């Protein structure tokens, strides 16, 4: 099978590129969801922080995650501690 080395190389490259694209959410809390703010409470906190045009609000690992715009109009992906509402990671374009 003379194409086997090429196939193995392509398979390895594909696996590595898939792994680099997937990014894991940060660890935001170790407390169980029963201790978290409700989604309505968290959305109210987020609005008070100035985030607007929320496109996505979801649970990601142990975080609440949003895709929205900052008060300055910049796109942001933000991870929040679901117990305190504090920003854990803020990725702004």
PDB file of N, CA and C in Angstrom:
ATOM      1  N   UNK A   1       0.848  -1.175   0.000  1.00  0.00           N
ATOM      2  CA  UNK A   1       0.000   0.000   0.000  1.00  0.00           C
ATOM      3  C   UNK A   1       0.888   1.230   0.000  1.00  0.00           C
ATOM      4  N   UNK A   2       1.159   1.781  -1.158  1.00  0.00           N
ATOM      5  CA  UNK A   2       2.098   2.886  -1.240  1.00  0.00           C
ATOM      6  C   UNK A   2       1.487   4.218  -0.802  1.00  0.00           C
ATOM      7  N   UNK A   3       0.190   4.327  -0.657  1.00  0.00           N
ATOM      8  CA  UNK A   3      -0.450   5.581  -0.232  1.00  0.00           C
ATOM      9  C   UNK A   3      -0.668   5.651   1.278  1.00  0.00           C
ATOM     10  N   UNK A   4      -0.329   4.605   1.997  1.00  0.00           N
ATOM     11  CA  UNK A   4      -0.554   4.554   3.442  1.00  0.00           C
ATOM     12  C   UNK A   4       0.145   5.675   4.200  1.00  0.00           C
ATOM     13  N   UNK A   5       1.424   5.989   3.925  1.00  0.00           N
ATOM     14  CA  UNK A   5       2.072   7.089   4.664  1.00  0.00           C
ATOM     15  C   UNK A   5       1.368   8.429   4.428  1.00  0.00           C
ATOM     16  N   UNK A   6       0.948   8.684   3.197  1.00  0.00           N
ATOM     17  CA  UNK A   6       0.237   9.927   2.904  1.00  0.00           C
ATOM     18  C   UNK A   6      -1.086   9.985   3.653  1.00  0.00           C
ATOM     19  N   UNK A   7      -1.805   8.863   3.686  1.00  0.00           N
ATOM     20  CA  UNK A   7      -3.081   8.801   4.389  1.00  0.00           C
ATOM     21  C   UNK A   7      -2.899   9.074   5.875  1.00  0.00           C
ATOM     22  N   UNK A   8      -1.876   8.481   6.488  1.00  0.00           N
ATOM     23  CA  UNK A   8      -1.604   8.683   7.909  1.00  0.00           C
ATOM     24  C   UNK A   8      -1.262  10.146   8.185  1.00  0.00           C
ATOM     25  N   UNK A   9      -0.467  10.750   7.294  1.00  0.00           N
ATOM     26  CA  UNK A   9      -0.090  12.151   7.454  1.00  0.00           C
ATOM     27  C   UNK A   9      -1.322  13.056   7.343  1.00  0.00           C
ATOM     28  N   UNK A  10      -2.175  12.796   6.379  1.00  0.00           N
ATOM     29  CA  UNK A  10      -3.396  13.597   6.202  1.00  0.00           C
ATOM     30  C   UNK A  10      -4.321  13.450   7.396  1.00  0.00           C
ATOM     31  N   UNK A  11      -4.441  12.237   7.903  1.00  0.00           N
ATOM     32  CA  UNK A  11      -5.296  11.985   9.057  1.00  0.00           C
ATOM     33  C   UNK A  11      -4.764  12.709  10.296  1.00  0.00           C
ATOM     34  N   UNK A  12      -3.465  12.667  10.504  1.00  0.00           N
ATOM     35  CA  UNK A  12      -2.848  13.353  11.636  1.00  0.00           C
ATOM     36  C   UNK A  12      -3.032  14.859  11.524  1.00  0.00           C
ATOM     37  N   UNK A  13      -2.806  15.423  10.354  1.00  0.00           N
ATOM     38  CA  UNK A  13      -2.969  16.860  10.144  1.00  0.00           C
ATOM     39  C   UNK A  13      -4.407  17.285  10.384  1.00  0.00           C
ATOM     40  N   UNK A  14      -5.347  16.472   9.933  1.00  0.00           N
ATOM     41  CA  UNK A  14      -6.759  16.773  10.129  1.00  0.00           C
ATOM     42  C   UNK A  14      -7.115  16.782  11.616  1.00  0.00           C
ATOM     43  N   UNK A  15      -6.618  15.801  12.348  1.00  0.00           N
ATOM     44  CA  UNK A  15      -6.903  15.720  13.788  1.00  0.00           C
ATOM     45  C   UNK A  15      -6.296  16.902  14.533  1.00  0.00           C
ATOM     46  N   UNK A  16      -5.086  17.285  14.173  1.00  0.00           N
ATOM     47  CA  UNK A  16      -4.435  18.417  14.838  1.00  0.00           C
ATOM     48  C   UNK A  16      -5.152  19.725  14.544  1.00  0.00           C
ATOM     49  N   UNK A  17      -5.592  19.932  13.313  1.00  0.00           N
ATOM     50  CA  UNK A  17      -6.277  21.182  13.003  1.00  0.00           C
ATOM     51  C   UNK A  17      -7.635  21.235  13.691  1.00  0.00           C
ATOM     52  N   UNK A  18      -8.325  20.127  13.813  1.00  0.00           N
ATOM     53  CA  UNK A  18      -9.611  20.100  14.519  1.00  0.00           C
ATOM     54  C   UNK A  18      -9.412  20.404  15.991  1.00  0.00           C
ATOM     55  N   UNK A  19      -8.344  19.886  16.569  1.00  0.00           N
ATOM     56  CA  UNK A  19      -8.081  20.128  17.988  1.00  0.00           C
ATOM     57  C   UNK A  19      -7.739  21.584  18.238  1.00  0.00           C
ATOM     58  N   UNK A  20      -7.052  22.231  17.301  1.00  0.00           N
ATOM     59  CA  UNK A  20      -6.673  23.620  17.519  1.00  0.00           C
ATOM     60  C   UNK A  20      -7.852  24.569  17.324  1.00  0.00           C
ATOM     61  N   UNK A  21      -8.844  24.174  16.538  1.00  0.00           N
ATOM     62  CA  UNK A  21     -10.017  25.019  16.320  1.00  0.00           C
ATOM     63  C   UNK A  21     -10.927  25.001  17.543  1.00  0.00           C
ATOM     64  N   UNK A  22     -11.066  23.859  18.162  1.00  0.00           N
ATOM     65  CA  UNK A  22     -11.950  23.741  19.324  1.00  0.00           C
ATOM     66  C   UNK A  22     -11.285  24.382  20.533  1.00  0.00           C
ATOM     67  N   UNK A  23     -11.966  25.344  21.122  1.00  0.00           N
ATOM     68  CA  UNK A  23     -11.427  25.972  22.322  1.00  0.00           C
ATOM     69  C   UNK A  23     -12.356  25.651  23.477  1.00  0.00           C
ATOM     70  N   UNK A  24     -11.779  25.312  24.587  1.00  0.00           N
ATOM     71  CA  UNK A  24     -12.567  24.957  25.760  1.00  0.00           C
ATOM     72  C   UNK A  24     -12.928  26.208  26.544  1.00  0.00           C
ATOM     73  N   UNK A  25     -14.084  26.174  27.143  1.00  0.00           N
ATOM     74  CA  UNK A  25     -14.511  27.270  28.007  1.00  0.00           C
ATOM     75  C   UNK A  25     -13.654  27.262  29.265  1.00  0.00           C
ATOM     76  N   UNK A  26     -13.423  28.426  29.861  1.00  0.00           N
ATOM     77  CA  UNK A  26     -12.669  28.447  31.113  1.00  0.00           C
ATOM     78  C   UNK A  26     -13.496  27.818  32.238  1.00  0.00           C
ATOM     79  N   UNK A  27     -12.841  27.487  33.327  1.00  0.00           N
ATOM     80  CA  UNK A  27     -13.557  27.007  34.508  1.00  0.00           C
ATOM     81  C   UNK A  27     -14.026  28.240  35.267  1.00  0.00           C
ATOM     82  N   UNK A  28     -15.334  28.395  35.386  1.00  0.00           N
ATOM     83  CA  UNK A  28     -15.903  29.592  36.013  1.00  0.00           C
ATOM     84  C   UNK A  28     -16.319  29.350  37.467  1.00  0.00           C
ATOM     85  N   UNK A  29     -16.737  28.140  37.768  1.00  0.00           N
ATOM     86  CA  UNK A  29     -17.130  27.800  39.136  1.00  0.00           C
ATOM     87  C   UNK A  29     -17.077  26.293  39.304  1.00  0.00           C
ATOM     88  N   UNK A  30     -16.958  25.877  40.533  1.00  0.00           N
ATOM     89  CA  UNK A  30     -17.037  24.440  40.839  1.00  0.00           C
ATOM     90  C   UNK A  30     -18.350  24.124  41.556  1.00  0.00           C
ATOM     91  N   UNK A  31     -19.165  25.148  41.789  1.00  0.00           N
ATOM     92  CA  UNK A  31     -20.450  24.951  42.471  1.00  0.00           C
ATOM     93  C   UNK A  31     -21.473  24.365  41.508  1.00  0.00           C
ATOM     94  N   UNK A  32     -22.426  23.593  42.014  1.00  0.00           N
ATOM     95  CA  UNK A  32     -23.439  22.973  41.154  1.00  0.00           C
ATOM     96  C   UNK A  32     -24.429  24.018  40.618  1.00  0.00           C
ATOM     97  N   UNK A  33     -25.076  23.715  39.504  1.00  0.00           N
ATOM     98  CA  UNK A  33     -26.036  24.648  38.902  1.00  0.00           C
ATOM     99  C   UNK A  33     -27.138  25.126  39.851  1.00  0.00           C
ATOM    100  N   UNK A  34     -27.462  24.348  40.862  1.00  0.00           N
ATOM    101  CA  UNK A  34     -28.490  24.778  41.824  1.00  0.00           C
ATOM    102  C   UNK A  34     -28.074  26.054  42.563  1.00  0.00           C
ATOM    103  N   UNK A  35     -26.779  26.334  42.619  1.00  0.00           N
ATOM    104  CA  UNK A  35     -26.261  27.530  43.301  1.00  0.00           C
ATOM    105  C   UNK A  35     -26.094  28.718  42.350  1.00  0.00           C
ATOM    106  N   UNK A  36     -26.315  28.517  41.054  1.00  0.00           N
ATOM    107  CA  UNK A  36     -26.106  29.559  40.060  1.00  0.00           C
ATOM    108  C   UNK A  36     -27.226  30.588  40.082  1.00  0.00           C
ATOM    109  N   UNK A  37     -26.917  31.789  39.602  1.00  0.00           N
ATOM    110  CA  UNK A  37     -27.960  32.782  39.336  1.00  0.00           C
ATOM    111  C   UNK A  37     -28.872  32.210  38.252  1.00  0.00           C
ATOM    112  N   UNK A  38     -30.133  32.580  38.277  1.00  0.00           N
ATOM    113  CA  UNK A  38     -31.013  32.149  37.187  1.00  0.00           C
ATOM    114  C   UNK A  38     -30.588  32.861  35.911  1.00  0.00           C
ATOM    115  N   UNK A  39     -31.027  32.351  34.793  1.00  0.00           N
ATOM    116  CA  UNK A  39     -30.684  33.005  33.530  1.00  0.00           C
ATOM    117  C   UNK A  39     -31.247  34.422  33.488  1.00  0.00           C
ATOM    118  N   UNK A  40     -32.439  34.631  34.033  1.00  0.00           N
ATOM    119  CA  UNK A  40     -33.033  35.973  34.056  1.00  0.00           C
ATOM    120  C   UNK A  40     -32.194  36.922  34.921  1.00  0.00           C
ATOM    121  N   UNK A  41     -31.736  36.445  36.079  1.00  0.00           N
ATOM    122  CA  UNK A  41     -30.878  37.269  36.939  1.00  0.00           C
ATOM    123  C   UNK A  41     -29.567  37.612  36.237  1.00  0.00           C
ATOM    124  N   UNK A  42     -28.985  36.619  35.560  1.00  0.00           N
ATOM    125  CA  UNK A  42     -27.716  36.845  34.871  1.00  0.00           C
ATOM    126  C   UNK A  42     -27.888  37.805  33.710  1.00  0.00           C
ATOM    127  N   UNK A  43     -28.961  37.665  32.961  1.00  0.00           N
ATOM    128  CA  UNK A  43     -29.212  38.579  31.833  1.00  0.00           C
ATOM    129  C   UNK A  43     -29.377  40.012  32.328  1.00  0.00           C
ATOM    130  N   UNK A  44     -30.009  40.203  33.484  1.00  0.00           N
ATOM    131  CA  UNK A  44     -30.161  41.544  34.052  1.00  0.00           C
ATOM    132  C   UNK A  44     -28.797  42.119  34.429  1.00  0.00           C
ATOM    133  N   UNK A  45     -27.920  41.305  35.027  1.00  0.00           N
ATOM    134  CA  UNK A  45     -26.566  41.760  35.378  1.00  0.00           C
ATOM    135  C   UNK A  45     -25.782  42.140  34.125  1.00  0.00           C
ATOM    136  N   UNK A  46     -25.899  41.314  33.101  1.00  0.00           N
ATOM    137  CA  UNK A  46     -25.191  41.560  31.849  1.00  0.00           C
ATOM    138  C   UNK A  46     -25.639  42.884  31.240  1.00  0.00           C
ATOM    139  N   UNK A  47     -26.924  43.145  31.252  1.00  0.00           N
ATOM    140  CA  UNK A  47     -27.453  44.404  30.716  1.00  0.00           C
ATOM    141  C   UNK A  47     -26.914  45.598  31.508  1.00  0.00           C
ATOM    142  N   UNK A  48     -26.835  45.469  32.838  1.00  0.00           N
ATOM    143  CA  UNK A  48     -26.298  46.557  33.668  1.00  0.00           C
ATOM    144  C   UNK A  48     -24.823  46.814  33.384  1.00  0.00           C
ATOM    145  N   UNK A  49     -24.102  45.777  32.927  1.00  0.00           N
ATOM    146  CA  UNK A  49     -22.688  45.928  32.580  1.00  0.00           C
ATOM    147  C   UNK A  49     -22.501  46.646  31.246  1.00  0.00           C
ATOM    148  N   UNK A  50     -23.595  46.817  30.501  1.00  0.00           N
ATOM    149  CA  UNK A  50     -23.517  47.548  29.241  1.00  0.00           C
ATOM    150  C   UNK A  50     -23.475  46.699  27.989  1.00  0.00           C
ATOM    151  N   UNK A  51     -23.575  45.381  28.121  1.00  0.00           N
ATOM    152  CA  UNK A  51     -23.609  44.534  26.933  1.00  0.00           C
ATOM    153  C   UNK A  51     -24.990  44.632  26.297  1.00  0.00           C
ATOM    154  N   UNK A  52     -25.007  44.640  24.962  1.00  0.00           N
ATOM    155  CA  UNK A  52     -26.277  44.765  24.245  1.00  0.00           C
ATOM    156  C   UNK A  52     -26.274  43.869  23.016  1.00  0.00           C
ATOM    157  N   UNK A  53     -27.413  43.786  22.376  1.00  0.00           N
ATOM    158  CA  UNK A  53     -27.559  42.957  21.172  1.00  0.00           C
ATOM    159  C   UNK A  53     -27.050  41.535  21.413  1.00  0.00           C
ATOM    160  N   UNK A  54     -27.500  40.917  22.484  1.00  0.00           N
ATOM    161  CA  UNK A  54     -27.038  39.564  22.810  1.00  0.00           C
ATOM    162  C   UNK A  54     -27.563  38.592  21.756  1.00  0.00           C
ATOM    163  N   UNK A  55     -26.636  37.992  21.020  1.00  0.00           N
ATOM    164  CA  UNK A  55     -26.988  37.033  19.968  1.00  0.00           C
ATOM    165  C   UNK A  55     -27.084  35.623  20.528  1.00  0.00           C
ATOM    166  N   UNK A  56     -26.219  35.302  21.495  1.00  0.00           N
ATOM    167  CA  UNK A  56     -26.193  33.971  22.104  1.00  0.00           C
ATOM    168  C   UNK A  56     -26.066  34.138  23.611  1.00  0.00           C
ATOM    169  N   UNK A  57     -26.870  33.410  24.345  1.00  0.00           N
ATOM    170  CA  UNK A  57     -26.737  33.292  25.796  1.00  0.00           C
ATOM    171  C   UNK A  57     -26.857  31.811  26.077  1.00  0.00           C
ATOM    172  N   UNK A  58     -25.782  31.215  26.599  1.00  0.00           N
ATOM    173  CA  UNK A  58     -25.802  29.770  26.794  1.00  0.00           C
ATOM    174  C   UNK A  58     -24.937  29.365  27.974  1.00  0.00           C
ATOM    175  N   UNK A  59     -25.158  28.146  28.423  1.00  0.00           N
ATOM    176  CA  UNK A  59     -24.288  27.528  29.417  1.00  0.00           C
ATOM    177  C   UNK A  59     -23.173  26.848  28.642  1.00  0.00           C
ATOM    178  N   UNK A  60     -21.941  27.161  29.010  1.00  0.00           N
ATOM    179  CA  UNK A  60     -20.776  26.565  28.369  1.00  0.00           C
ATOM    180  C   UNK A  60     -19.860  26.038  29.467  1.00  0.00           C
ATOM    181  N   UNK A  61     -19.887  24.736  29.667  1.00  0.00           N
ATOM    182  CA  UNK A  61     -19.120  24.148  30.769  1.00  0.00           C
ATOM    183  C   UNK A  61     -19.680  24.615  32.096  1.00  0.00           C
ATOM    184  N   UNK A  62     -18.845  25.283  32.871  1.00  0.00           N
ATOM    185  CA  UNK A  62     -19.288  25.802  34.173  1.00  0.00           C
ATOM    186  C   UNK A  62     -19.484  27.319  34.122  1.00  0.00           C
ATOM    187  N   UNK A  63     -19.813  27.835  32.942  1.00  0.00           N
ATOM    188  CA  UNK A  63     -19.949  29.285  32.735  1.00  0.00           C
ATOM    189  C   UNK A  63     -21.273  29.623  32.063  1.00  0.00           C
ATOM    190  N   UNK A  64     -21.666  30.882  32.209  1.00  0.00           N
ATOM    191  CA  UNK A  64     -22.624  31.468  31.293  1.00  0.00           C
ATOM    192  C   UNK A  64     -21.777  32.153  30.233  1.00  0.00           C
ATOM    193  N   UNK A  65     -22.141  31.985  28.977  1.00  0.00           N
ATOM    194  CA  UNK A  65     -21.392  32.564  27.868  1.00  0.00           C
ATOM    195  C   UNK A  65     -22.334  33.381  27.003  1.00  0.00           C
ATOM    196  N   UNK A  66     -21.853  34.539  26.552  1.00  0.00           N
ATOM    197  CA  UNK A  66     -22.649  35.343  25.622  1.00  0.00           C
ATOM    198  C   UNK A  66     -21.807  35.748  24.415  1.00  0.00           C
ATOM    199  N   UNK A  67     -22.507  36.009  23.333  1.00  0.00           N
ATOM    200  CA  UNK A  67     -21.963  36.707  22.179  1.00  0.00           C
ATOM    201  C   UNK A  67     -22.822  37.959  22.074  1.00  0.00           C
ATOM    202  N   UNK A  68     -22.203  39.120  22.161  1.00  0.00           N
ATOM    203  CA  UNK A  68     -22.953  40.370  22.201  1.00  0.00           C
ATOM    204  C   UNK A  68     -22.064  41.521  21.732  1.00  0.00           C
ATOM    205  N   UNK A  69     -22.554  42.731  21.922  1.00  0.00           N
ATOM    206  CA  UNK A  69     -21.771  43.940  21.650  1.00  0.00           C
ATOM    207  C   UNK A  69     -21.535  44.675  22.963  1.00  0.00           C
ATOM    208  N   UNK A  70     -20.355  45.280  23.068  1.00  0.00           N
ATOM    209  CA  UNK A  70     -20.058  46.101  24.237  1.00  0.00           C
ATOM    210  C   UNK A  70     -20.798  47.426  24.108  1.00  0.00           C
ATOM    211  N   UNK A  71     -20.735  48.239  25.160  1.00  0.00           N
ATOM    212  CA  UNK A  71     -21.377  49.560  25.077  1.00  0.00           C
ATOM    213  C   UNK A  71     -20.717  50.429  24.024  1.00  0.00           C
ATOM    214  N   UNK A  72     -19.467  50.085  23.621  1.00  0.00           N
ATOM    215  CA  UNK A  72     -18.758  50.808  22.564  1.00  0.00           C
ATOM    216  C   UNK A  72     -19.051  50.244  21.178  1.00  0.00           C
ATOM    217  N   UNK A  73     -19.897  49.229  21.098  1.00  0.00           N
ATOM    218  CA  UNK A  73     -20.275  48.649  19.817  1.00  0.00           C
ATOM    219  C   UNK A  73     -19.340  47.568  19.304  1.00  0.00           C
ATOM    220  N   UNK A  74     -18.370  47.144  20.100  1.00  0.00           N
ATOM    221  CA  UNK A  74     -17.444  46.092  19.674  1.00  0.00           C
ATOM    222  C   UNK A  74     -18.047  44.718  19.962  1.00  0.00           C
ATOM    223  N   UNK A  75     -17.747  43.764  19.070  1.00  0.00           N
ATOM    224  CA  UNK A  75     -18.228  42.395  19.277  1.00  0.00           C
ATOM    225  C   UNK A  75     -17.466  41.760  20.424  1.00  0.00           C
ATOM    226  N   UNK A  76     -18.183  40.986  21.240  1.00  0.00           N
ATOM    227  CA  UNK A  76     -17.552  40.358  22.398  1.00  0.00           C
ATOM    228  C   UNK A  76     -18.094  38.952  22.619  1.00  0.00           C
ATOM    229  N   UNK A  77     -17.185  38.084  23.028  1.00  0.00           N
ATOM    230  CA  UNK A  77     -17.529  36.755  23.527  1.00  0.00           C
ATOM    231  C   UNK A  77     -17.098  36.786  24.985  1.00  0.00           C
ATOM    232  N   UNK A  78     -18.040  36.599  25.901  1.00  0.00           N
ATOM    233  CA  UNK A  78     -17.742  36.787  27.319  1.00  0.00           C
ATOM    234  C   UNK A  78     -18.215  35.575  28.114  1.00  0.00           C
ATOM    235  N   UNK A  79     -17.343  35.125  29.020  1.00  0.00           N
ATOM    236  CA  UNK A  79     -17.670  34.038  29.942  1.00  0.00           C
ATOM    237  C   UNK A  79     -17.835  34.631  31.337  1.00  0.00           C
ATOM    238  N   UNK A  80     -18.907  34.243  32.012  1.00  0.00           N
ATOM    239  CA  UNK A  80     -19.227  34.765  33.341  1.00  0.00           C
ATOM    240  C   UNK A  80     -19.263  33.653  34.372  1.00  0.00           C
ATOM    241  N   UNK A  81     -18.858  33.987  35.596  1.00  0.00           N
ATOM    242  CA  UNK A  81     -19.064  33.101  36.729  1.00  0.00           C
ATOM    243  C   UNK A  81     -20.572  33.089  36.988  1.00  0.00           C
ATOM    244  N   UNK A  82     -21.230  31.946  36.904  1.00  0.00           N
ATOM    245  CA  UNK A  82     -22.683  31.906  37.041  1.00  0.00           C
ATOM    246  C   UNK A  82     -23.183  32.076  38.472  1.00  0.00           C
ATOM    247  N   UNK A  83     -22.291  32.062  39.437  1.00  0.00           N
ATOM    248  CA  UNK A  83     -22.678  32.242  40.833  1.00  0.00           C
ATOM    249  C   UNK A  83     -22.625  33.719  41.218  1.00  0.00           C
ATOM    250  N   UNK A  84     -21.555  34.409  40.802  1.00  0.00           N
ATOM    251  CA  UNK A  84     -21.361  35.818  41.177  1.00  0.00           C
ATOM    252  C   UNK A  84     -21.712  36.796  40.063  1.00  0.00           C
ATOM    253  N   UNK A  85     -21.707  36.326  38.837  1.00  0.00           N
ATOM    254  CA  UNK A  85     -21.939  37.202  37.693  1.00  0.00           C
ATOM    255  C   UNK A  85     -20.684  37.920  37.223  1.00  0.00           C
ATOM    256  N   UNK A  86     -19.546  37.637  37.831  1.00  0.00           N
ATOM    257  CA  UNK A  86     -18.295  38.301  37.460  1.00  0.00           C
ATOM    258  C   UNK A  86     -17.786  37.798  36.101  1.00  0.00           C
ATOM    259  N   UNK A  87     -17.133  38.685  35.356  1.00  0.00           N
ATOM    260  CA  UNK A  87     -16.523  38.306  34.070  1.00  0.00           C
ATOM    261  C   UNK A  87     -15.284  37.458  34.379  1.00  0.00           C
ATOM    262  N   UNK A  88     -15.213  36.302  33.731  1.00  0.00           N
ATOM    263  CA  UNK A  88     -14.074  35.401  33.879  1.00  0.00           C
ATOM    264  C   UNK A  88     -13.124  35.559  32.690  1.00  0.00           C
ATOM    265  N   UNK A  89     -13.698  35.674  31.512  1.00  0.00           N
ATOM    266  CA  UNK A  89     -12.898  35.849  30.295  1.00  0.00           C
ATOM    267  C   UNK A  89     -13.680  36.720  29.339  1.00  0.00           C
ATOM    268  N   UNK A  90     -13.005  37.702  28.754  1.00  0.00           N
ATOM    269  CA  UNK A  90     -13.650  38.664  27.854  1.00  0.00           C
ATOM    270  C   UNK A  90     -12.832  38.758  26.579  1.00  0.00           C
ATOM    271  N   UNK A  91     -13.394  38.288  25.475  1.00  0.00           N
ATOM    272  CA  UNK A  91     -12.732  38.353  24.174  1.00  0.00           C
ATOM    273  C   UNK A  91     -13.443  39.388  23.330  1.00  0.00           C
ATOM    274  N   UNK A  92     -12.807  40.534  23.119  1.00  0.00           N
ATOM    275  CA  UNK A  92     -13.418  41.637  22.375  1.00  0.00           C
ATOM    276  C   UNK A  92     -12.691  41.820  21.053  1.00  0.00           C
ATOM    277  N   UNK A  93     -13.457  41.959  19.969  1.00  0.00           N
ATOM    278  CA  UNK A  93     -12.872  42.228  18.638  1.00  0.00           C
ATOM    279  C   UNK A  93     -12.566  43.692  18.493  1.00  0.00           C
TER     280      UNK A  93
END
